[in-house]
Protein backbone atom coordinates (compact mmCIF):
# COMPACT_ATOMS: atom_id res chain seq x y z
CA UNK A 1 182.01 236.75 105.23
CA UNK A 2 180.20 236.89 101.89
CA UNK A 3 178.37 233.74 100.94
CA UNK A 4 177.71 233.30 97.23
CA UNK A 5 174.78 231.33 95.86
CA UNK A 6 172.85 231.00 92.62
CA UNK A 7 169.48 232.69 92.12
CA UNK A 8 167.50 229.44 92.18
CA UNK A 9 169.08 228.29 95.44
CA UNK A 10 168.66 231.73 97.02
CA UNK A 11 165.00 231.71 95.94
CA UNK A 12 164.37 228.25 97.38
CA UNK A 13 166.08 229.14 100.67
CA UNK A 14 165.32 232.84 100.99
CA UNK A 15 164.67 232.65 104.74
CA UNK A 16 168.11 231.12 105.21
CA UNK A 17 169.68 233.84 103.04
CA UNK A 18 168.11 236.47 105.29
CA UNK A 19 169.28 234.72 108.45
CA UNK A 20 172.83 234.48 107.06
CA UNK A 21 172.78 238.18 106.15
CA UNK A 22 171.77 239.01 109.71
CA UNK A 23 174.29 236.64 111.28
CA UNK A 24 177.27 236.55 108.88
CA UNK A 25 177.01 239.68 106.75
CA UNK A 26 176.19 240.39 103.11
CA UNK A 27 175.05 237.50 100.89
CA UNK A 28 175.80 237.63 97.15
CA UNK A 29 173.42 236.05 94.64
CA UNK A 30 174.66 235.12 91.18
CA UNK A 31 173.00 234.52 87.84
CA UNK A 32 174.92 232.50 85.26
CA UNK A 33 177.98 232.74 87.49
CA UNK A 34 177.97 236.54 87.69
CA UNK A 35 177.06 238.49 90.86
CA UNK A 36 173.73 240.29 90.40
CA UNK A 37 172.44 241.24 93.87
CA UNK A 38 173.53 241.40 97.46
CA UNK A 39 171.27 240.75 100.47
CA UNK A 40 172.32 242.99 103.34
CA UNK A 41 170.84 243.35 106.84
CA UNK A 42 169.53 246.84 107.62
CA UNK A 43 170.89 248.55 110.68
CA UNK A 44 168.63 250.85 112.72
CA UNK A 45 169.79 254.04 110.96
CA UNK A 46 169.10 252.62 107.51
CA UNK A 47 165.72 251.25 108.64
CA UNK A 48 164.74 254.77 109.73
CA UNK A 49 165.97 256.20 106.43
CA UNK A 50 163.72 253.87 104.42
CA UNK A 51 160.74 254.59 106.66
CA UNK A 52 160.53 251.39 108.65
CA UNK A 53 160.24 253.24 111.96
CA UNK A 54 158.36 256.43 111.05
CA UNK A 55 154.86 255.19 111.77
CA UNK A 56 154.14 254.17 108.19
CA UNK A 57 153.72 250.55 109.19
CA UNK A 58 151.23 251.57 111.89
CA UNK A 59 149.42 253.76 109.33
CA UNK A 60 149.00 250.71 107.10
CA UNK A 61 147.83 248.58 110.01
CA UNK A 62 145.25 251.24 110.96
CA UNK A 63 143.92 251.59 107.39
CA UNK A 64 140.30 250.54 106.75
CA UNK A 65 139.86 246.88 105.99
CA UNK A 66 137.21 244.93 104.10
CA UNK A 67 133.80 245.92 105.54
CA UNK A 68 135.07 249.39 106.52
CA UNK A 69 135.59 250.34 102.86
CA UNK A 70 132.77 251.92 100.83
CA UNK A 71 131.21 249.69 98.20
CA UNK A 72 132.39 250.46 94.66
CA UNK A 73 129.93 252.06 92.26
CA UNK A 74 128.81 249.46 89.75
CA UNK A 75 128.62 250.54 86.14
CA UNK A 76 127.08 248.71 83.24
CA UNK A 77 129.46 246.84 80.97
CA UNK A 78 127.15 247.29 78.01
CA UNK A 79 128.54 249.37 75.18
CA UNK A 80 126.54 252.60 74.75
CA UNK A 81 124.83 253.02 71.37
CA UNK A 82 126.70 254.98 68.72
CA UNK A 83 125.63 258.58 68.29
CA UNK A 84 123.47 259.14 65.23
CA UNK A 85 122.79 255.44 64.74
């Protein structure tokens, strides 16, 4: 079953749109009465194809955070003098 809703309503109730896509199937979102996007639940094969299960998420979770990152080099914001001036 395809539910159809306007962009503003879909935006305000995005969690519900996701739940309906998981439970009931694709959800169509319209703008000015015309269909513009469809929210569709990913199955396991598609999730693998887009990289959701290839370790990329773990890579991001293992990335250095805050204090583990080197401090940026600070540079002066002053404009250097013109050559020959």
